PDB file of all heavy atoms in Angstrom:
ATOM      1  N   ILE A   1       8.826  21.543 -22.791  1.00  0.00           N
ATOM      2  CA  ILE A   1      10.184  21.025 -22.693  1.00  0.00           C
ATOM      3  C   ILE A   1      11.194  22.084 -23.117  1.00  0.00           C
ATOM      4  O   ILE A   1      12.280  22.194 -22.511  1.00  0.00           O
ATOM      5  CB  ILE A   1      10.322  19.739 -23.536  1.00  0.00           C
ATOM      6  CG1 ILE A   1       9.531  18.594 -22.884  1.00  0.00           C
ATOM      7  CG2 ILE A   1      11.790  19.347 -23.710  1.00  0.00           C
ATOM      8  CD1 ILE A   1       9.431  17.360 -23.722  1.00  0.00           C
ATOM      9  N   ALA A   2      10.841  22.878 -24.114  1.00  0.00           N
ATOM     10  CA  ALA A   2      11.733  23.953 -24.532  1.00  0.00           C
ATOM     11  C   ALA A   2      11.923  24.974 -23.408  1.00  0.00           C
ATOM     12  O   ALA A   2      13.010  25.546 -23.261  1.00  0.00           O
ATOM     13  CB  ALA A   2      11.167  24.630 -25.791  1.00  0.00           C
ATOM     14  N   GLN A   3      10.877  25.182 -22.615  1.00  0.00           N
ATOM     15  CA  GLN A   3      10.967  26.100 -21.475  1.00  0.00           C
ATOM     16  C   GLN A   3      11.698  25.478 -20.301  1.00  0.00           C
ATOM     17  O   GLN A   3      12.410  26.148 -19.557  1.00  0.00           O
ATOM     18  CB  GLN A   3       9.563  26.519 -21.033  1.00  0.00           C
ATOM     19  CG  GLN A   3       8.733  27.247 -22.066  1.00  0.00           C
ATOM     20  CD  GLN A   3       9.210  28.662 -22.319  1.00  0.00           C
ATOM     21  OE1 GLN A   3       9.527  29.389 -21.380  1.00  0.00           O
ATOM     22  NE2 GLN A   3       9.280  29.053 -23.571  1.00  0.00           N
ATOM     23  N   ALA A   4      11.519  24.155 -20.127  1.00  0.00           N
ATOM     24  CA  ALA A   4      12.091  23.448 -18.958  1.00  0.00           C
ATOM     25  C   ALA A   4      12.574  22.077 -19.409  1.00  0.00           C
ATOM     26  O   ALA A   4      11.828  21.084 -19.321  1.00  0.00           O
ATOM     27  CB  ALA A   4      11.049  23.328 -17.854  1.00  0.00           C
ATOM     28  N   PRO A   5      13.789  21.969 -19.908  1.00  0.00           N
ATOM     29  CA  PRO A   5      14.309  20.685 -20.409  1.00  0.00           C
ATOM     30  C   PRO A   5      14.312  19.554 -19.381  1.00  0.00           C
ATOM     31  O   PRO A   5      14.344  18.384 -19.759  1.00  0.00           O
ATOM     32  CB  PRO A   5      15.743  21.033 -20.850  1.00  0.00           C
ATOM     33  CG  PRO A   5      15.723  22.506 -21.118  1.00  0.00           C
ATOM     34  CD  PRO A   5      14.754  23.071 -20.126  1.00  0.00           C
ATOM     35  N   LEU A   6      14.221  19.895 -18.094  1.00  0.00           N
ATOM     36  CA  LEU A   6      14.189  18.862 -17.073  1.00  0.00           C
ATOM     37  C   LEU A   6      12.978  17.935 -17.222  1.00  0.00           C
ATOM     38  O   LEU A   6      13.004  16.787 -16.757  1.00  0.00           O
ATOM     39  CB  LEU A   6      14.197  19.511 -15.674  1.00  0.00           C
ATOM     40  CG  LEU A   6      14.329  18.577 -14.474  1.00  0.00           C
ATOM     41  CD1 LEU A   6      15.603  17.737 -14.550  1.00  0.00           C
ATOM     42  CD2 LEU A   6      14.292  19.376 -13.185  1.00  0.00           C
ATOM     43  N   ILE A   7      11.956  18.414 -17.904  1.00  0.00           N
ATOM     44  CA  ILE A   7      10.779  17.568 -18.159  1.00  0.00           C
ATOM     45  C   ILE A   7      11.182  16.309 -18.920  1.00  0.00           C
ATOM     46  O   ILE A   7      10.633  15.219 -18.688  1.00  0.00           O
ATOM     47  CB  ILE A   7       9.700  18.353 -18.913  1.00  0.00           C
ATOM     48  CG1 ILE A   7       9.158  19.478 -18.028  1.00  0.00           C
ATOM     49  CG2 ILE A   7       8.560  17.442 -19.371  1.00  0.00           C
ATOM     50  CD1 ILE A   7       8.230  20.437 -18.746  1.00  0.00           C
ATOM     51  N   LEU A   8      12.160  16.435 -19.809  1.00  0.00           N
ATOM     52  CA  LEU A   8      12.636  15.252 -20.548  1.00  0.00           C
ATOM     53  C   LEU A   8      13.215  14.210 -19.599  1.00  0.00           C
ATOM     54  O   LEU A   8      13.016  12.994 -19.795  1.00  0.00           O
ATOM     55  CB  LEU A   8      13.695  15.658 -21.576  1.00  0.00           C
ATOM     56  CG  LEU A   8      13.216  15.988 -22.977  1.00  0.00           C
ATOM     57  CD1 LEU A   8      14.400  16.335 -23.872  1.00  0.00           C
ATOM     58  CD2 LEU A   8      12.425  14.825 -23.579  1.00  0.00           C
ATOM     59  N   ASP A   9      13.926  14.671 -18.585  1.00  0.00           N
ATOM     60  CA  ASP A   9      14.479  13.727 -17.603  1.00  0.00           C
ATOM     61  C   ASP A   9      13.382  12.997 -16.856  1.00  0.00           C
ATOM     62  O   ASP A   9      13.492  11.808 -16.566  1.00  0.00           O
ATOM     63  CB  ASP A   9      15.376  14.471 -16.595  1.00  0.00           C
ATOM     64  CG  ASP A   9      16.639  15.039 -17.245  1.00  0.00           C
ATOM     65  OD1 ASP A   9      17.003  14.564 -18.342  1.00  0.00           O
ATOM     66  OD2 ASP A   9      17.229  15.968 -16.655  1.00  0.00           O
ATOM     67  N   VAL A  10      12.305  13.715 -16.548  1.00  0.00           N
ATOM     68  CA  VAL A  10      11.174  13.078 -15.876  1.00  0.00           C
ATOM     69  C   VAL A  10      10.555  12.023 -16.767  1.00  0.00           C
ATOM     70  O   VAL A  10      10.290  10.891 -16.328  1.00  0.00           O
ATOM     71  CB  VAL A  10      10.127  14.140 -15.469  1.00  0.00           C
ATOM     72  CG1 VAL A  10       8.890  13.461 -14.880  1.00  0.00           C
ATOM     73  CG2 VAL A  10      10.713  15.137 -14.487  1.00  0.00           C
ATOM     74  N   LEU A  11      10.331  12.372 -18.030  1.00  0.00           N
ATOM     75  CA  LEU A  11       9.728  11.411 -18.956  1.00  0.00           C
ATOM     76  C   LEU A  11      10.633  10.180 -19.116  1.00  0.00           C
ATOM     77  O   LEU A  11      10.143   9.040 -19.166  1.00  0.00           O
ATOM     78  CB  LEU A  11       9.474  12.081 -20.304  1.00  0.00           C
ATOM     79  CG  LEU A  11       8.363  13.135 -20.312  1.00  0.00           C
ATOM     80  CD1 LEU A  11       8.371  13.891 -21.641  1.00  0.00           C
ATOM     81  CD2 LEU A  11       7.000  12.496 -20.059  1.00  0.00           C
ATOM     82  N   ASP A  12      11.934  10.404 -19.198  1.00  0.00           N
ATOM     83  CA  ASP A  12      12.873   9.276 -19.319  1.00  0.00           C
ATOM     84  C   ASP A  12      12.807   8.384 -18.092  1.00  0.00           C
ATOM     85  O   ASP A  12      12.904   7.143 -18.188  1.00  0.00           O
ATOM     86  CB  ASP A  12      14.298   9.781 -19.512  1.00  0.00           C
ATOM     87  CG  ASP A  12      14.542  10.369 -20.901  1.00  0.00           C
ATOM     88  OD1 ASP A  12      13.715  10.101 -21.808  1.00  0.00           O
ATOM     89  OD2 ASP A  12      15.532  11.098 -21.072  1.00  0.00           O
ATOM     90  N   SER A  13      12.622   8.990 -16.916  1.00  0.00           N
ATOM     91  CA  SER A  13      12.566   8.200 -15.684  1.00  0.00           C
ATOM     92  C   SER A  13      11.303   7.343 -15.608  1.00  0.00           C
ATOM     93  O   SER A  13      11.242   6.395 -14.808  1.00  0.00           O
ATOM     94  CB  SER A  13      12.638   9.117 -14.464  1.00  0.00           C
ATOM     95  OG  SER A  13      11.428   9.812 -14.258  1.00  0.00           O
ATOM     96  N   LEU A  14      10.310   7.675 -16.421  1.00  0.00           N
ATOM     97  CA  LEU A  14       9.034   6.951 -16.406  1.00  0.00           C
ATOM     98  C   LEU A  14       8.855   6.033 -17.612  1.00  0.00           C
ATOM     99  O   LEU A  14       7.754   5.535 -17.843  1.00  0.00           O
ATOM    100  CB  LEU A  14       7.871   7.969 -16.370  1.00  0.00           C
ATOM    101  CG  LEU A  14       7.773   8.825 -15.108  1.00  0.00           C
ATOM    102  CD1 LEU A  14       6.746   9.946 -15.302  1.00  0.00           C
ATOM    103  CD2 LEU A  14       7.408   7.984 -13.892  1.00  0.00           C
ATOM    104  N   ASN A  15       9.944   5.801 -18.353  1.00  0.00           N
ATOM    105  CA  ASN A  15       9.788   5.073 -19.622  1.00  0.00           C
ATOM    106  C   ASN A  15       9.553   3.580 -19.445  1.00  0.00           C
ATOM    107  O   ASN A  15       9.377   2.868 -20.449  1.00  0.00           O
ATOM    108  CB  ASN A  15      10.994   5.333 -20.552  1.00  0.00           C
ATOM    109  CG  ASN A  15      12.306   4.839 -19.973  1.00  0.00           C
ATOM    110  OD1 ASN A  15      12.320   4.112 -18.980  1.00  0.00           O
ATOM    111  ND2 ASN A  15      13.409   5.252 -20.566  1.00  0.00           N
ATOM    112  N   ASP A  16       9.493   3.105 -18.218  1.00  0.00           N
ATOM    113  CA  ASP A  16       9.174   1.684 -18.019  1.00  0.00           C
ATOM    114  C   ASP A  16       7.671   1.459 -17.907  1.00  0.00           C
ATOM    115  O   ASP A  16       7.207   0.326 -17.805  1.00  0.00           O
ATOM    116  CB  ASP A  16       9.859   1.161 -16.753  1.00  0.00           C
ATOM    117  CG  ASP A  16       9.421   1.880 -15.496  1.00  0.00           C
ATOM    118  OD1 ASP A  16       8.963   3.040 -15.613  1.00  0.00           O
ATOM    119  OD2 ASP A  16       9.510   1.294 -14.409  1.00  0.00           O
ATOM    120  N   GLY A  17       6.882   2.538 -17.911  1.00  0.00           N
ATOM    121  CA  GLY A  17       5.440   2.395 -17.823  1.00  0.00           C
ATOM    122  C   GLY A  17       4.820   2.037 -19.165  1.00  0.00           C
ATOM    123  O   GLY A  17       5.501   2.022 -20.209  1.00  0.00           O
ATOM    124  N   LEU A  18       3.529   1.788 -19.160  1.00  0.00           N
ATOM    125  CA  LEU A  18       2.806   1.535 -20.407  1.00  0.00           C
ATOM    126  C   LEU A  18       2.803   2.772 -21.295  1.00  0.00           C
ATOM    127  O   LEU A  18       2.756   2.681 -22.526  1.00  0.00           O
ATOM    128  CB  LEU A  18       1.371   1.121 -20.104  1.00  0.00           C
ATOM    129  CG  LEU A  18       1.165  -0.186 -19.340  1.00  0.00           C
ATOM    130  CD1 LEU A  18      -0.305  -0.336 -18.953  1.00  0.00           C
ATOM    131  CD2 LEU A  18       1.616  -1.369 -20.182  1.00  0.00           C
ATOM    132  N   LEU A  19       2.843   3.927 -20.682  1.00  0.00           N
ATOM    133  CA  LEU A  19       2.859   5.206 -21.380  1.00  0.00           C
ATOM    134  C   LEU A  19       3.386   6.257 -20.433  1.00  0.00           C
ATOM    135  O   LEU A  19       3.067   6.232 -19.246  1.00  0.00           O
ATOM    136  CB  LEU A  19       1.434   5.593 -21.824  1.00  0.00           C
ATOM    137  CG  LEU A  19       1.291   7.015 -22.366  1.00  0.00           C
ATOM    138  CD1 LEU A  19       1.525   7.025 -23.860  1.00  0.00           C
ATOM    139  CD2 LEU A  19      -0.075   7.604 -22.037  1.00  0.00           C
ATOM    140  N   ALA A  20       4.209   7.159 -20.925  1.00  0.00           N
ATOM    141  CA  ALA A  20       4.680   8.304 -20.143  1.00  0.00           C
ATOM    142  C   ALA A  20       4.381   9.560 -20.949  1.00  0.00           C
ATOM    143  O   ALA A  20       4.684   9.628 -22.145  1.00  0.00           O
ATOM    144  CB  ALA A  20       6.164   8.198 -19.821  1.00  0.00           C
ATOM    145  N   ALA A  21       3.795  10.554 -20.315  1.00  0.00           N
ATOM    146  CA  ALA A  21       3.450  11.789 -21.004  1.00  0.00           C
ATOM    147  C   ALA A  21       3.352  12.919 -19.982  1.00  0.00           C
ATOM    148  O   ALA A  21       3.358  12.693 -18.770  1.00  0.00           O
ATOM    149  CB  ALA A  21       2.131  11.634 -21.775  1.00  0.00           C
ATOM    150  N   MET A  22       3.219  14.125 -20.489  1.00  0.00           N
ATOM    151  CA  MET A  22       3.083  15.316 -19.637  1.00  0.00           C
ATOM    152  C   MET A  22       1.620  15.656 -19.526  1.00  0.00           C
ATOM    153  O   MET A  22       0.853  15.521 -20.478  1.00  0.00           O
ATOM    154  CB  MET A  22       3.870  16.480 -20.239  1.00  0.00           C
ATOM    155  CG  MET A  22       4.002  17.683 -19.329  1.00  0.00           C
ATOM    156  SD  MET A  22       4.766  19.107 -20.181  1.00  0.00           S
ATOM    157  CE  MET A  22       3.364  19.718 -21.151  1.00  0.00           C
ATOM    158  N   SER A  23       1.209  16.174 -18.377  1.00  0.00           N
ATOM    159  CA  SER A  23      -0.171  16.619 -18.168  1.00  0.00           C
ATOM    160  C   SER A  23      -0.252  18.136 -18.320  1.00  0.00           C
ATOM    161  O   SER A  23       0.586  18.874 -17.830  1.00  0.00           O
ATOM    162  CB  SER A  23      -0.654  16.235 -16.774  1.00  0.00           C
ATOM    163  OG  SER A  23      -1.952  16.726 -16.526  1.00  0.00           O
ATOM    164  N   GLY A  24      -1.285  18.571 -19.006  1.00  0.00           N
ATOM    165  CA  GLY A  24      -1.535  20.006 -19.124  1.00  0.00           C
ATOM    166  C   GLY A  24      -0.364  20.752 -19.751  1.00  0.00           C
ATOM    167  O   GLY A  24       0.248  20.289 -20.712  1.00  0.00           O
ATOM    168  N   SER A  25      -0.045  21.877 -19.141  1.00  0.00           N
ATOM    169  CA  SER A  25       1.074  22.688 -19.635  1.00  0.00           C
ATOM    170  C   SER A  25       2.361  22.387 -18.879  1.00  0.00           C
ATOM    171  O   SER A  25       3.342  23.096 -19.039  1.00  0.00           O
ATOM    172  CB  SER A  25       0.731  24.179 -19.515  1.00  0.00           C
ATOM    173  OG  SER A  25       0.445  24.525 -18.178  1.00  0.00           O
ATOM    174  N   GLY A  26       2.359  21.332 -18.017  1.00  0.00           N
ATOM    175  CA  GLY A  26       3.563  20.913 -17.323  1.00  0.00           C
ATOM    176  C   GLY A  26       3.745  21.655 -16.008  1.00  0.00           C
ATOM    177  O   GLY A  26       2.995  22.558 -15.675  1.00  0.00           O
ATOM    178  N   ALA A  27       4.727  21.213 -15.236  1.00  0.00           N
ATOM    179  CA  ALA A  27       5.739  20.240 -15.616  1.00  0.00           C
ATOM    180  C   ALA A  27       5.454  18.839 -15.108  1.00  0.00           C
ATOM    181  O   ALA A  27       6.283  17.949 -15.224  1.00  0.00           O
ATOM    182  CB  ALA A  27       7.087  20.688 -15.064  1.00  0.00           C
ATOM    183  N   THR A  28       4.259  18.596 -14.525  1.00  0.00           N
ATOM    184  CA  THR A  28       3.957  17.273 -14.015  1.00  0.00           C
ATOM    185  C   THR A  28       3.780  16.294 -15.149  1.00  0.00           C
ATOM    186  O   THR A  28       3.086  16.564 -16.151  1.00  0.00           O
ATOM    187  CB  THR A  28       2.670  17.302 -13.165  1.00  0.00           C
ATOM    188  OG1 THR A  28       2.863  18.196 -12.072  1.00  0.00           O
ATOM    189  CG2 THR A  28       2.363  15.891 -12.616  1.00  0.00           C
ATOM    190  N   CYS A  29       4.414  15.122 -15.008  1.00  0.00           N
ATOM    191  CA  CYS A  29       4.275  14.035 -15.981  1.00  0.00           C
ATOM    192  C   CYS A  29       3.643  12.841 -15.280  1.00  0.00           C
ATOM    193  O   CYS A  29       3.651  12.736 -14.058  1.00  0.00           O
ATOM    194  CB  CYS A  29       5.641  13.648 -16.553  1.00  0.00           C
ATOM    195  SG  CYS A  29       6.464  14.994 -17.435  1.00  0.00           S
ATOM    196  N   PHE A  30       3.104  11.946 -16.085  1.00  0.00           N
ATOM    197  CA  PHE A  30       2.471  10.755 -15.532  1.00  0.00           C
ATOM    198  C   PHE A  30       2.898   9.539 -16.342  1.00  0.00           C
ATOM    199  O   PHE A  30       3.258   9.630 -17.518  1.00  0.00           O
ATOM    200  CB  PHE A  30       0.947  10.868 -15.532  1.00  0.00           C
ATOM    201  CG  PHE A  30       0.338  10.962 -16.919  1.00  0.00           C
ATOM    202  CD1 PHE A  30      -0.048   9.828 -17.613  1.00  0.00           C
ATOM    203  CD2 PHE A  30       0.147  12.188 -17.542  1.00  0.00           C
ATOM    204  CE1 PHE A  30      -0.613   9.906 -18.871  1.00  0.00           C
ATOM    205  CE2 PHE A  30      -0.392  12.300 -18.811  1.00  0.00           C
ATOM    206  CZ  PHE A  30      -0.785  11.151 -19.481  1.00  0.00           C
ATOM    207  N   ALA A  31       2.874   8.387 -15.666  1.00  0.00           N
ATOM    208  CA  ALA A  31       3.061   7.119 -16.347  1.00  0.00           C
ATOM    209  C   ALA A  31       1.988   6.154 -15.878  1.00  0.00           C
ATOM    210  O   ALA A  31       1.593   6.191 -14.701  1.00  0.00           O
ATOM    211  CB  ALA A  31       4.449   6.539 -16.059  1.00  0.00           C
ATOM    212  N   LEU A  32       1.516   5.306 -16.783  1.00  0.00           N
ATOM    213  CA  LEU A  32       0.468   4.346 -16.478  1.00  0.00           C
ATOM    214  C   LEU A  32       1.085   2.973 -16.209  1.00  0.00           C
ATOM    215  O   LEU A  32       2.027   2.570 -16.903  1.00  0.00           O
ATOM    216  CB  LEU A  32      -0.529   4.245 -17.630  1.00  0.00           C
ATOM    217  CG  LEU A  32      -1.167   5.556 -18.116  1.00  0.00           C
ATOM    218  CD1 LEU A  32      -2.225   5.258 -19.174  1.00  0.00           C
ATOM    219  CD2 LEU A  32      -1.771   6.332 -16.972  1.00  0.00           C
ATOM    220  N   TYR A  33       0.528   2.285 -15.238  1.00  0.00           N
ATOM    221  CA  TYR A  33       1.016   0.951 -14.844  1.00  0.00           C
ATOM    222  C   TYR A  33      -0.154  -0.021 -14.729  1.00  0.00           C
ATOM    223  O   TYR A  33      -1.311   0.403 -14.607  1.00  0.00           O
ATOM    224  CB  TYR A  33       1.817   1.025 -13.549  1.00  0.00           C
ATOM    225  CG  TYR A  33       3.098   1.810 -13.705  1.00  0.00           C
ATOM    226  CD1 TYR A  33       3.114   3.180 -13.454  1.00  0.00           C
ATOM    227  CD2 TYR A  33       4.254   1.194 -14.111  1.00  0.00           C
ATOM    228  CE1 TYR A  33       4.287   3.918 -13.628  1.00  0.00           C
ATOM    229  CE2 TYR A  33       5.437   1.919 -14.287  1.00  0.00           C
ATOM    230  CZ  TYR A  33       5.439   3.267 -14.044  1.00  0.00           C
ATOM    231  OH  TYR A  33       6.602   4.003 -14.211  1.00  0.00           O
ATOM    232  N   THR A  34       0.146  -1.290 -14.745  1.00  0.00           N
ATOM    233  CA  THR A  34      -0.908  -2.307 -14.760  1.00  0.00           C
ATOM    234  C   THR A  34      -1.462  -2.624 -13.387  1.00  0.00           C
ATOM    235  O   THR A  34      -2.517  -3.252 -13.292  1.00  0.00           O
ATOM    236  CB  THR A  34      -0.373  -3.607 -15.419  1.00  0.00           C
ATOM    237  OG1 THR A  34       0.782  -4.048 -14.685  1.00  0.00           O
ATOM    238  CG2 THR A  34      -0.019  -3.383 -16.873  1.00  0.00           C
ATOM    239  N   SER A  35      -0.783  -2.225 -12.326  1.00  0.00           N
ATOM    240  CA  SER A  35      -1.274  -2.550 -10.994  1.00  0.00           C
ATOM    241  C   SER A  35      -0.843  -1.493  -9.994  1.00  0.00           C
ATOM    242  O   SER A  35       0.106  -0.720 -10.227  1.00  0.00           O
ATOM    243  CB  SER A  35      -0.716  -3.900 -10.544  1.00  0.00           C
ATOM    244  OG  SER A  35       0.667  -3.827 -10.289  1.00  0.00           O
ATOM    245  N   SER A  36      -1.558  -1.474  -8.858  1.00  0.00           N
ATOM    246  CA  SER A  36      -1.214  -0.555  -7.786  1.00  0.00           C
ATOM    247  C   SER A  36       0.166  -0.859  -7.227  1.00  0.00           C
ATOM    248  O   SER A  36       0.947   0.055  -6.925  1.00  0.00           O
ATOM    249  CB  SER A  36      -2.277  -0.644  -6.685  1.00  0.00           C
ATOM    250  OG  SER A  36      -1.909   0.127  -5.575  1.00  0.00           O
ATOM    251  N   ALA A  37       0.497  -2.152  -7.079  1.00  0.00           N
ATOM    252  CA  ALA A  37       1.794  -2.537  -6.538  1.00  0.00           C
ATOM    253  C   ALA A  37       2.921  -2.046  -7.422  1.00  0.00           C
ATOM    254  O   ALA A  37       3.953  -1.565  -6.930  1.00  0.00           O
ATOM    255  CB  ALA A  37       1.861  -4.053  -6.374  1.00  0.00           C
ATOM    256  N   GLU A  38       2.734  -2.156  -8.725  1.00  0.00           N
ATOM    257  CA  GLU A  38       3.778  -1.701  -9.671  1.00  0.00           C
ATOM    258  C   GLU A  38       3.959  -0.176  -9.573  1.00  0.00           C
ATOM    259  O   GLU A  38       5.093   0.329  -9.566  1.00  0.00           O
ATOM    260  CB  GLU A  38       3.382  -2.120 -11.085  1.00  0.00           C
ATOM    261  CG  GLU A  38       4.492  -1.920 -12.112  1.00  0.00           C
ATOM    262  CD  GLU A  38       4.090  -2.399 -13.498  1.00  0.00           C
ATOM    263  OE1 GLU A  38       2.922  -2.757 -13.698  1.00  0.00           O
ATOM    264  OE2 GLU A  38       4.977  -2.416 -14.380  1.00  0.00           O
ATOM    265  N   ALA A  39       2.853   0.539  -9.488  1.00  0.00           N
ATOM    266  CA  ALA A  39       2.947   2.010  -9.381  1.00  0.00           C
ATOM    267  C   ALA A  39       3.600   2.425  -8.069  1.00  0.00           C
ATOM    268  O   ALA A  39       4.439   3.341  -8.054  1.00  0.00           O
ATOM    269  CB  ALA A  39       1.549   2.606  -9.511  1.00  0.00           C
ATOM    270  N   ARG A  40       3.236   1.771  -6.967  1.00  0.00           N
ATOM    271  CA  ARG A  40       3.829   2.132  -5.681  1.00  0.00           C
ATOM    272  C   ARG A  40       5.328   1.825  -5.662  1.00  0.00           C
ATOM    273  O   ARG A  40       6.119   2.604  -5.098  1.00  0.00           O
ATOM    274  CB  ARG A  40       3.115   1.396  -4.553  1.00  0.00           C
ATOM    275  CG  ARG A  40       1.682   1.851  -4.299  1.00  0.00           C
ATOM    276  CD  ARG A  40       1.212   1.393  -2.908  1.00  0.00           C
ATOM    277  NE  ARG A  40       1.365  -0.048  -2.752  1.00  0.00           N
ATOM    278  CZ  ARG A  40       0.441  -0.961  -3.028  1.00  0.00           C
ATOM    279  NH1 ARG A  40      -0.710  -0.572  -3.526  1.00  0.00           N
ATOM    280  NH2 ARG A  40       0.659  -2.236  -2.819  1.00  0.00           N
ATOM    281  N   ALA A  41       5.721   0.702  -6.250  1.00  0.00           N
ATOM    282  CA  ALA A  41       7.146   0.350  -6.292  1.00  0.00           C
ATOM    283  C   ALA A  41       7.920   1.377  -7.113  1.00  0.00           C
ATOM    284  O   ALA A  41       9.032   1.771  -6.733  1.00  0.00           O
ATOM    285  CB  ALA A  41       7.325  -1.048  -6.866  1.00  0.00           C
ATOM    286  N   LYS A  42       7.346   1.791  -8.228  1.00  0.00           N
ATOM    287  CA  LYS A  42       8.008   2.802  -9.055  1.00  0.00           C
ATOM    288  C   LYS A  42       8.152   4.113  -8.285  1.00  0.00           C
ATOM    289  O   LYS A  42       9.206   4.773  -8.331  1.00  0.00           O
ATOM    290  CB  LYS A  42       7.215   3.026 -10.346  1.00  0.00           C
ATOM    291  CG  LYS A  42       7.805   4.080 -11.265  1.00  0.00           C
ATOM    292  CD  LYS A  42       9.181   3.648 -11.771  1.00  0.00           C
ATOM    293  CE  LYS A  42       9.759   4.678 -12.732  1.00  0.00           C
ATOM    294  NZ  LYS A  42      11.081   4.247 -13.276  1.00  0.00           N
ATOM    295  N   ALA A  43       7.094   4.497  -7.583  1.00  0.00           N
ATOM    296  CA  ALA A  43       7.142   5.742  -6.805  1.00  0.00           C
ATOM    297  C   ALA A  43       8.227   5.684  -5.734  1.00  0.00           C
ATOM    298  O   ALA A  43       8.953   6.644  -5.512  1.00  0.00           O
ATOM    299  CB  ALA A  43       5.772   6.023  -6.186  1.00  0.00           C
ATOM    300  N   ARG A  44       8.333   4.550  -5.062  1.00  0.00           N
ATOM    301  CA  ARG A  44       9.365   4.405  -4.033  1.00  0.00           C
ATOM    302  C   ARG A  44      10.754   4.556  -4.641  1.00  0.00           C
ATOM    303  O   ARG A  44      11.642   5.208  -4.053  1.00  0.00           O
ATOM    304  CB  ARG A  44       9.235   3.055  -3.329  1.00  0.00           C
ATOM    305  CG  ARG A  44       8.083   2.953  -2.353  1.00  0.00           C
ATOM    306  CD  ARG A  44       8.222   1.740  -1.456  1.00  0.00           C
ATOM    307  NE  ARG A  44       8.217   0.491  -2.224  1.00  0.00           N
ATOM    308  CZ  ARG A  44       7.121  -0.221  -2.507  1.00  0.00           C
ATOM    309  NH1 ARG A  44       5.940   0.207  -2.081  1.00  0.00           N
ATOM    310  NH2 ARG A  44       7.201  -1.342  -3.185  1.00  0.00           N
ATOM    311  N   ASP A  45      10.977   3.950  -5.799  1.00  0.00           N
ATOM    312  CA  ASP A  45      12.284   4.063  -6.452  1.00  0.00           C
ATOM    313  C   ASP A  45      12.605   5.511  -6.794  1.00  0.00           C
ATOM    314  O   ASP A  45      13.737   5.989  -6.585  1.00  0.00           O
ATOM    315  CB  ASP A  45      12.316   3.212  -7.718  1.00  0.00           C
ATOM    316  CG  ASP A  45      12.317   1.702  -7.421  1.00  0.00           C
ATOM    317  OD1 ASP A  45      12.586   1.341  -6.262  1.00  0.00           O
ATOM    318  OD2 ASP A  45      12.027   0.929  -8.341  1.00  0.00           O
TER     319      ASP A  45
END
């Protein structure tokens, strides 16, 4: 995040999931959801 503060924006955009975190050394982040429909709807948004 210190190298790329935009990662914080990504994490904030995923804060409706069960968990939001960064994978590896970044910048990809992930969020966990309870169903496929919920994940697909979030992705569309």
